[in-house]
Amino acid sequence: MKKKNILGGITIMTGILKRFGDIMSANINSLLDKAEDPGKMIDQYLRNLESDLGKVKAETASVMAEATKTKRQLDECSSDIAKMQSYAEKAVIAGNDQDARQFLEKKNQLLEQQANIQTTYDLANDNAAKMKEMHDKLATDISSLNARKDTIKSKLAVAKTQETLNKVGNSVAGAKSNLSAFDKMEAKADKMLDEANAMRELNESGKDKDINALADKYSDINHSVEDDLAALKAKLGQ
């Protein structure tokens, strides 16, 4: 059962590390290109890895604890074997062979048990060392990714700023184009106004000539009547 638990922990560990390896070996740039929000995608990757690290840590601690427990059992078994050997020797010295046989039989049973415990301990200790090594590597890699995350997010922030500047630049260019169009419209309006003023001036100039001619006409008429009236008065002795 202990071997099964230890191997089960290794299986879980292997699956987690394989998933981590798949992420590390993937084309991150290609994945970011497809993401609507690369920053959020990076955060999600790291959250997944942190979760995996928690599982790895728990499994590693479990296997290390199992190795420690098995080592303690191995030490206790070795101590019991030494005791049985000592008791058998004392029984022989005391001339009690039957007791010595029992102690030696118990010693042999403990030796078989010791061999099994030793096998379990060797497996647990080896797996604990491997899992701790993998745990430390995963923790280091995640730390490295966190540092890269900040760099990538900084680049994304710069890219967004540049994108905004590009949009503003396009708007400014469009505004300049609109201002140029307004300048042309204003020039056309000025031309139309100048033409209208010139036409008004010409029209008013023509009207002055007409009214002056009319005034001259009536001035001649009025002068003729006055002359006639004066002549008539003179004739009548008035």
C-alpha atoms as a PDB file:
ATOM      1  CA  MET A   1       0.000   0.000   0.000  1.00  0.00           C
ATOM      2  CA  LYS A   2       2.879   2.343   0.839  1.00  0.00           C
ATOM      3  CA  LYS A   3       4.543   1.648  -2.500  1.00  0.00           C
ATOM      4  CA  LYS A   4       1.254   2.318  -4.258  1.00  0.00           C
ATOM      5  CA  ASN A   5       0.849   5.656  -2.463  1.00  0.00           C
ATOM      6  CA  ILE A   6       4.399   6.677  -3.319  1.00  0.00           C
ATOM      7  CA  LEU A   7       4.017   5.655  -6.963  1.00  0.00           C
ATOM      8  CA  GLY A   8       0.664   7.449  -7.101  1.00  0.00           C
ATOM      9  CA  GLY A   9       2.341  10.648  -5.961  1.00  0.00           C
ATOM     10  CA  ILE A  10       4.988  10.251  -8.630  1.00  0.00           C
ATOM     11  CA  THR A  11       2.294   9.714 -11.292  1.00  0.00           C
ATOM     12  CA  ILE A  12       0.513  12.934 -10.276  1.00  0.00           C
ATOM     13  CA  MET A  13       3.840  14.745 -10.211  1.00  0.00           C
ATOM     14  CA  THR A  14       4.731  13.480 -13.687  1.00  0.00           C
ATOM     15  CA  GLY A  15       1.379  14.663 -15.086  1.00  0.00           C
ATOM     16  CA  ILE A  16       1.813  18.123 -13.609  1.00  0.00           C
ATOM     17  CA  LEU A  17       5.361  18.463 -14.892  1.00  0.00           C
ATOM     18  CA  LYS A  18       4.317  17.259 -18.345  1.00  0.00           C
ATOM     19  CA  ARG A  19       1.604  19.930 -18.455  1.00  0.00           C
ATOM     20  CA  PHE A  20       4.151  22.481 -17.312  1.00  0.00           C
ATOM     21  CA  GLY A  21       6.575  21.294 -19.965  1.00  0.00           C
ATOM     22  CA  ASP A  22       3.899  21.621 -22.639  1.00  0.00           C
ATOM     23  CA  ILE A  23       3.313  25.230 -21.640  1.00  0.00           C
ATOM     24  CA  MET A  24       7.020  26.008 -21.503  1.00  0.00           C
ATOM     25  CA  SER A  25       7.690  24.413 -24.903  1.00  0.00           C
ATOM     26  CA  ALA A  26       4.672  26.034 -26.566  1.00  0.00           C
ATOM     27  CA  ASN A  27       5.083  29.036 -28.815  1.00  0.00           C
ATOM     28  CA  ILE A  28       4.050  31.676 -26.287  1.00  0.00           C
ATOM     29  CA  ASN A  29       4.243  34.478 -28.841  1.00  0.00           C
ATOM     30  CA  SER A  30       1.835  32.612 -31.114  1.00  0.00           C
ATOM     31  CA  LEU A  31      -0.576  32.083 -28.223  1.00  0.00           C
ATOM     32  CA  LEU A  32      -0.372  35.742 -27.251  1.00  0.00           C
ATOM     33  CA  ASP A  33      -1.122  36.774 -30.836  1.00  0.00           C
ATOM     34  CA  LYS A  34      -4.420  34.870 -30.619  1.00  0.00           C
ATOM     35  CA  ALA A  35      -5.363  36.249 -27.214  1.00  0.00           C
ATOM     36  CA  GLU A  36      -7.742  39.180 -26.894  1.00  0.00           C
ATOM     37  CA  ASP A  37      -5.950  40.283 -23.746  1.00  0.00           C
ATOM     38  CA  PRO A  38      -2.377  38.865 -23.549  1.00  0.00           C
ATOM     39  CA  GLY A  39      -1.893  40.309 -20.064  1.00  0.00           C
ATOM     40  CA  LYS A  40      -4.849  38.349 -18.680  1.00  0.00           C
ATOM     41  CA  MET A  41      -3.695  35.234 -20.525  1.00  0.00           C
ATOM     42  CA  ILE A  42      -0.261  35.435 -18.888  1.00  0.00           C
ATOM     43  CA  ASP A  43      -1.854  35.878 -15.457  1.00  0.00           C
ATOM     44  CA  GLN A  44      -4.042  32.806 -16.084  1.00  0.00           C
ATOM     45  CA  TYR A  45      -1.009  30.715 -17.073  1.00  0.00           C
ATOM     46  CA  LEU A  46       0.776  31.699 -13.899  1.00  0.00           C
ATOM     47  CA  ARG A  47      -2.288  31.011 -11.750  1.00  0.00           C
ATOM     48  CA  ASN A  48      -2.456  27.516 -13.248  1.00  0.00           C
ATOM     49  CA  LEU A  49       1.236  26.956 -12.604  1.00  0.00           C
ATOM     50  CA  GLU A  50       0.946  28.239  -9.040  1.00  0.00           C
ATOM     51  CA  SER A  51      -1.920  25.807  -8.499  1.00  0.00           C
ATOM     52  CA  ASP A  52       0.196  22.980  -9.932  1.00  0.00           C
ATOM     53  CA  LEU A  53       3.080  24.007  -7.697  1.00  0.00           C
ATOM     54  CA  GLY A  54       0.786  23.716  -4.689  1.00  0.00           C
ATOM     55  CA  LYS A  55      -0.130  20.157  -5.720  1.00  0.00           C
ATOM     56  CA  VAL A  56       3.513  19.287  -6.325  1.00  0.00           C
ATOM     57  CA  LYS A  57       4.457  20.679  -2.923  1.00  0.00           C
ATOM     58  CA  ALA A  58       1.734  18.638  -1.209  1.00  0.00           C
ATOM     59  CA  GLU A  59       2.753  15.435  -3.018  1.00  0.00           C
ATOM     60  CA  THR A  60       6.427  16.081  -2.322  1.00  0.00           C
ATOM     61  CA  ALA A  61       5.747  16.661   1.371  1.00  0.00           C
ATOM     62  CA  SER A  62       3.672  13.461   1.500  1.00  0.00           C
ATOM     63  CA  VAL A  63       6.390  11.325  -0.113  1.00  0.00           C
ATOM     64  CA  MET A  64       9.091  12.910   2.050  1.00  0.00           C
ATOM     65  CA  ALA A  65       7.013  12.193   5.143  1.00  0.00           C
ATOM     66  CA  GLU A  66       6.554   8.600   3.989  1.00  0.00           C
ATOM     67  CA  ALA A  67      10.298   8.269   3.494  1.00  0.00           C
ATOM     68  CA  THR A  68      10.924   9.652   6.995  1.00  0.00           C
ATOM     69  CA  LYS A  69       8.371   7.284   8.501  1.00  0.00           C
ATOM     70  CA  THR A  70       9.813   4.289   6.654  1.00  0.00           C
ATOM     71  CA  LYS A  71      13.333   5.226   7.776  1.00  0.00           C
ATOM     72  CA  ARG A  72      12.136   5.311  11.348  1.00  0.00           C
ATOM     73  CA  GLN A  73      10.548   1.851  10.929  1.00  0.00           C
ATOM     74  CA  LEU A  74      13.776   0.595   9.364  1.00  0.00           C
ATOM     75  CA  ASP A  75      15.816   1.903  12.284  1.00  0.00           C
ATOM     76  CA  GLU A  76      13.394   0.338  14.789  1.00  0.00           C
ATOM     77  CA  CYS A  77      13.549  -2.992  12.946  1.00  0.00           C
ATOM     78  CA  SER A  78      17.362  -2.905  12.898  1.00  0.00           C
ATOM     79  CA  SER A  79      17.330  -2.151  16.614  1.00  0.00           C
ATOM     80  CA  ASP A  80      14.962  -5.106  17.273  1.00  0.00           C
ATOM     81  CA  ILE A  81      17.231  -7.394  15.233  1.00  0.00           C
ATOM     82  CA  ALA A  82      20.208  -6.339  17.320  1.00  0.00           C
ATOM     83  CA  LYS A  83      18.181  -7.010  20.477  1.00  0.00           C
ATOM     84  CA  MET A  84      17.164 -10.490  19.326  1.00  0.00           C
ATOM     85  CA  GLN A  85      20.794 -11.269  18.519  1.00  0.00           C
ATOM     86  CA  SER A  86      21.858 -10.052  21.947  1.00  0.00           C
ATOM     87  CA  TYR A  87      19.107 -12.060  23.694  1.00  0.00           C
ATOM     88  CA  ALA A  88      20.044 -15.216  21.743  1.00  0.00           C
ATOM     89  CA  GLU A  89      23.674 -14.848  22.769  1.00  0.00           C
ATOM     90  CA  LYS A  90      22.712 -14.390  26.422  1.00  0.00           C
ATOM     91  CA  ALA A  91      20.417 -17.439  26.243  1.00  0.00           C
ATOM     92  CA  VAL A  92      23.253 -19.582  24.843  1.00  0.00           C
ATOM     93  CA  ILE A  93      25.586 -18.350  27.550  1.00  0.00           C
ATOM     94  CA  ALA A  94      22.919 -19.242  30.095  1.00  0.00           C
ATOM     95  CA  GLY A  95      22.719 -22.729  28.529  1.00  0.00           C
ATOM     96  CA  ASN A  96      19.136 -22.188  27.420  1.00  0.00           C
ATOM     97  CA  ASP A  97      19.219 -23.255  23.769  1.00  0.00           C
ATOM     98  CA  GLN A  98      15.438 -23.317  23.407  1.00  0.00           C
ATOM     99  CA  ASP A  99      15.184 -19.663  24.314  1.00  0.00           C
ATOM    100  CA  ALA A 100      18.066 -18.916  21.986  1.00  0.00           C
ATOM    101  CA  ARG A 101      16.236 -20.643  19.113  1.00  0.00           C
ATOM    102  CA  GLN A 102      13.144 -18.467  19.699  1.00  0.00           C
ATOM    103  CA  PHE A 103      15.202 -15.316  19.708  1.00  0.00           C
ATOM    104  CA  LEU A 104      16.975 -16.384  16.516  1.00  0.00           C
ATOM    105  CA  GLU A 105      13.669 -17.256  14.825  1.00  0.00           C
ATOM    106  CA  LYS A 106      12.323 -13.809  15.719  1.00  0.00           C
ATOM    107  CA  LYS A 107      15.551 -12.303  14.429  1.00  0.00           C
ATOM    108  CA  ASN A 108      15.092 -14.085  11.073  1.00  0.00           C
ATOM    109  CA  GLN A 109      11.509 -12.820  10.825  1.00  0.00           C
ATOM    110  CA  LEU A 110      12.741  -9.304  11.530  1.00  0.00           C
ATOM    111  CA  LEU A 111      15.467  -9.705   8.897  1.00  0.00           C
ATOM    112  CA  GLU A 112      12.820 -10.510   6.264  1.00  0.00           C
ATOM    113  CA  GLN A 113      10.755  -7.570   7.470  1.00  0.00           C
ATOM    114  CA  GLN A 114      13.862  -5.389   7.386  1.00  0.00           C
ATOM    115  CA  ALA A 115      14.513  -6.317   3.734  1.00  0.00           C
ATOM    116  CA  ASN A 116      10.960  -5.299   2.775  1.00  0.00           C
ATOM    117  CA  ILE A 117      11.175  -2.084   4.745  1.00  0.00           C
ATOM    118  CA  GLN A 118      14.563  -1.335   3.204  1.00  0.00           C
ATOM    119  CA  THR A 119      13.121  -1.746  -0.304  1.00  0.00           C
ATOM    120  CA  THR A 120      10.215   0.547   0.538  1.00  0.00           C
ATOM    121  CA  TYR A 121      12.525   3.103   2.118  1.00  0.00           C
ATOM    122  CA  ASP A 122      14.915   3.112  -0.831  1.00  0.00           C
ATOM    123  CA  LEU A 123      12.011   3.732  -3.203  1.00  0.00           C
ATOM    124  CA  ALA A 124      10.440   6.415  -1.013  1.00  0.00           C
ATOM    125  CA  ASN A 125      13.747   8.157  -0.359  1.00  0.00           C
ATOM    126  CA  ASP A 126      14.693   8.136  -4.054  1.00  0.00           C
ATOM    127  CA  ASN A 127      11.279   9.450  -5.104  1.00  0.00           C
ATOM    128  CA  ALA A 128      11.311  12.079  -2.371  1.00  0.00           C
ATOM    129  CA  ALA A 129      14.672  13.337  -3.632  1.00  0.00           C
ATOM    130  CA  LYS A 130      13.426  13.418  -7.232  1.00  0.00           C
ATOM    131  CA  MET A 131      10.177  15.140  -6.322  1.00  0.00           C
ATOM    132  CA  LYS A 132      11.970  17.746  -4.218  1.00  0.00           C
ATOM    133  CA  GLU A 133      14.322  18.415  -7.126  1.00  0.00           C
ATOM    134  CA  MET A 134      11.376  18.774  -9.517  1.00  0.00           C
ATOM    135  CA  HIS A 135       9.504  20.956  -7.012  1.00  0.00           C
ATOM    136  CA  ASP A 136      12.497  23.272  -6.672  1.00  0.00           C
ATOM    137  CA  LYS A 137      12.890  23.492 -10.455  1.00  0.00           C
ATOM    138  CA  LEU A 138       9.198  24.238 -10.925  1.00  0.00           C
ATOM    139  CA  ALA A 139       9.345  26.947  -8.258  1.00  0.00           C
ATOM    140  CA  THR A 140      12.423  28.475  -9.937  1.00  0.00           C
ATOM    141  CA  ASP A 141      10.796  28.368 -13.374  1.00  0.00           C
ATOM    142  CA  ILE A 142       7.640  30.017 -12.054  1.00  0.00           C
ATOM    143  CA  SER A 143       9.750  32.737 -10.458  1.00  0.00           C
ATOM    144  CA  SER A 144      11.463  33.251 -13.807  1.00  0.00           C
ATOM    145  CA  LEU A 145       8.097  33.421 -15.564  1.00  0.00           C
ATOM    146  CA  ASN A 146       6.893  35.999 -13.067  1.00  0.00           C
ATOM    147  CA  ALA A 147       9.886  38.151 -13.948  1.00  0.00           C
ATOM    148  CA  ARG A 148       9.173  37.657 -17.653  1.00  0.00           C
ATOM    149  CA  LYS A 149       5.507  38.481 -17.028  1.00  0.00           C
ATOM    150  CA  ASP A 150       6.407  41.941 -15.772  1.00  0.00           C
ATOM    151  CA  THR A 151       8.614  42.491 -18.831  1.00  0.00           C
ATOM    152  CA  ILE A 152       5.907  41.289 -21.215  1.00  0.00           C
ATOM    153  CA  LYS A 153       3.266  43.446 -19.517  1.00  0.00           C
ATOM    154  CA  SER A 154       5.585  46.454 -19.757  1.00  0.00           C
ATOM    155  CA  LYS A 155       5.986  45.814 -23.474  1.00  0.00           C
ATOM    156  CA  LEU A 156       2.211  45.472 -23.836  1.00  0.00           C
ATOM    157  CA  ALA A 157       1.717  48.796 -22.028  1.00  0.00           C
ATOM    158  CA  VAL A 158       4.207  50.481 -24.361  1.00  0.00           C
ATOM    159  CA  ALA A 159       2.518  48.889 -27.371  1.00  0.00           C
ATOM    160  CA  LYS A 160      -0.898  50.143 -26.251  1.00  0.00           C
ATOM    161  CA  THR A 161       0.510  53.635 -25.707  1.00  0.00           C
ATOM    162  CA  GLN A 162       2.070  53.581 -29.163  1.00  0.00           C
ATOM    163  CA  GLU A 163      -1.224  52.389 -30.629  1.00  0.00           C
ATOM    164  CA  THR A 164      -3.000  55.294 -28.946  1.00  0.00           C
ATOM    165  CA  LEU A 165      -0.395  57.720 -30.270  1.00  0.00           C
ATOM    166  CA  ASN A 166      -0.857  56.306 -33.753  1.00  0.00           C
ATOM    167  CA  LYS A 167      -4.604  56.881 -33.523  1.00  0.00           C
ATOM    168  CA  VAL A 168      -4.057  60.410 -32.262  1.00  0.00           C
ATOM    169  CA  GLY A 169      -1.586  60.990 -35.098  1.00  0.00           C
ATOM    170  CA  ASN A 170      -4.155  59.838 -37.615  1.00  0.00           C
ATOM    171  CA  SER A 171      -6.743  62.133 -36.051  1.00  0.00           C
ATOM    172  CA  VAL A 172      -4.345  65.073 -36.201  1.00  0.00           C
ATOM    173  CA  ALA A 173      -3.589  64.309 -39.849  1.00  0.00           C
ATOM    174  CA  GLY A 174      -7.313  64.175 -40.520  1.00  0.00           C
ATOM    175  CA  ALA A 175      -7.792  67.462 -38.691  1.00  0.00           C
ATOM    176  CA  LYS A 176      -5.079  69.075 -40.804  1.00  0.00           C
ATOM    177  CA  SER A 177      -6.809  67.805 -43.910  1.00  0.00           C
ATOM    178  CA  ASN A 178     -10.094  69.250 -42.670  1.00  0.00           C
ATOM    179  CA  LEU A 179      -8.414  72.575 -41.881  1.00  0.00           C
ATOM    180  CA  SER A 180      -6.983  72.651 -45.383  1.00  0.00           C
ATOM    181  CA  ALA A 181     -10.469  72.086 -46.785  1.00  0.00           C
ATOM    182  CA  PHE A 182     -11.802  74.876 -44.568  1.00  0.00           C
ATOM    183  CA  ASP A 183      -9.081  77.192 -45.841  1.00  0.00           C
ATOM    184  CA  LYS A 184     -10.172  76.504 -49.404  1.00  0.00           C
ATOM    185  CA  MET A 185     -13.823  77.068 -48.490  1.00  0.00           C
ATOM    186  CA  GLU A 186     -12.931  80.322 -46.740  1.00  0.00           C
ATOM    187  CA  ALA A 187     -10.945  81.510 -49.773  1.00  0.00           C
ATOM    188  CA  LYS A 188     -13.898  80.678 -52.000  1.00  0.00           C
ATOM    189  CA  ALA A 189     -16.248  82.532 -49.648  1.00  0.00           C
ATOM    190  CA  ASP A 190     -13.933  85.554 -49.672  1.00  0.00           C
ATOM    191  CA  LYS A 191     -13.885  85.512 -53.469  1.00  0.00           C
ATOM    192  CA  MET A 192     -17.682  85.288 -53.632  1.00  0.00           C
ATOM    193  CA  LEU A 193     -17.993  88.170 -51.149  1.00  0.00           C
ATOM    194  CA  ASP A 194     -15.546  90.306 -53.108  1.00  0.00           C
ATOM    195  CA  GLU A 195     -17.433  89.617 -56.312  1.00  0.00           C
ATOM    196  CA  ALA A 196     -20.755  90.470 -54.642  1.00  0.00           C
ATOM    197  CA  ASN A 197     -19.338  93.741 -53.250  1.00  0.00           C
ATOM    198  CA  ALA A 198     -17.932  94.639 -56.684  1.00  0.00           C
ATOM    199  CA  MET A 199     -21.279  93.928 -58.289  1.00  0.00           C
ATOM    200  CA  ARG A 200     -23.046  96.069 -55.670  1.00  0.00           C
ATOM    201  CA  GLU A 201     -20.603  98.877 -56.287  1.00  0.00           C
ATOM    202  CA  LEU A 202     -21.176  98.661 -60.029  1.00  0.00           C
ATOM    203  CA  ASN A 203     -24.930  98.622 -59.555  1.00  0.00           C
ATOM    204  CA  GLU A 204     -24.868 101.623 -57.237  1.00  0.00           C
ATOM    205  CA  SER A 205     -22.605 103.508 -59.644  1.00  0.00           C
ATOM    206  CA  GLY A 206     -25.137 102.984 -62.473  1.00  0.00           C
ATOM    207  CA  LYS A 207     -27.989 104.195 -60.317  1.00  0.00           C
ATOM    208  CA  ASP A 208     -26.119 107.427 -59.485  1.00  0.00           C
ATOM    209  CA  LYS A 209     -25.690 108.181 -63.171  1.00  0.00           C
ATOM    210  CA  ASP A 210     -29.414 107.617 -63.809  1.00  0.00           C
ATOM    211  CA  ILE A 211     -30.576 109.811 -60.938  1.00  0.00           C
ATOM    212  CA  ASN A 212     -28.149 112.549 -61.917  1.00  0.00           C
ATOM    213  CA  ALA A 213     -29.438 112.512 -65.485  1.00  0.00           C
ATOM    214  CA  LEU A 214     -33.011 112.669 -64.211  1.00  0.00           C
ATOM    215  CA  ALA A 215     -32.134 115.545 -61.887  1.00  0.00           C
ATOM    216  CA  ASP A 216     -30.526 117.452 -64.771  1.00  0.00           C
ATOM    217  CA  LYS A 217     -33.665 116.945 -66.826  1.00  0.00           C
ATOM    218  CA  TYR A 218     -35.902 118.422 -64.200  1.00  0.00           C
ATOM    219  CA  SER A 219     -33.461 121.178 -63.447  1.00  0.00           C
ATOM    220  CA  ASP A 220     -33.701 122.290 -67.100  1.00  0.00           C
ATOM    221  CA  ILE A 221     -37.487 122.150 -66.979  1.00  0.00           C
ATOM    222  CA  ASN A 222     -37.707 124.148 -63.781  1.00  0.00           C
ATOM    223  CA  HIS A 223     -35.346 126.792 -65.201  1.00  0.00           C
ATOM    224  CA  SER A 224     -37.456 127.232 -68.369  1.00  0.00           C
ATOM    225  CA  VAL A 225     -40.695 127.759 -66.380  1.00  0.00           C
ATOM    226  CA  GLU A 226     -39.083 130.388 -64.175  1.00  0.00           C
ATOM    227  CA  ASP A 227     -37.829 132.239 -67.239  1.00  0.00           C
ATOM    228  CA  ASP A 228     -41.241 132.119 -68.828  1.00  0.00           C
ATOM    229  CA  LEU A 229     -42.905 133.373 -65.617  1.00  0.00           C
ATOM    230  CA  ALA A 230     -40.483 136.295 -65.350  1.00  0.00           C
ATOM    231  CA  ALA A 231     -41.067 137.255 -68.984  1.00  0.00           C
ATOM    232  CA  LEU A 232     -44.843 137.104 -68.495  1.00  0.00           C
ATOM    233  CA  LYS A 233     -44.677 139.426 -65.451  1.00  0.00           C
ATOM    234  CA  ALA A 234     -42.514 141.842 -67.324  1.00  0.00           C
ATOM    235  CA  LYS A 235     -44.967 141.923 -70.164  1.00  0.00           C
ATOM    236  CA  LEU A 236     -47.856 142.615 -67.860  1.00  0.00           C
ATOM    237  CA  GLY A 237     -46.006 145.303 -65.981  1.00  0.00           C
ATOM    238  CA  GLN A 238     -45.951 143.295 -62.877  1.00  0.00           C
END
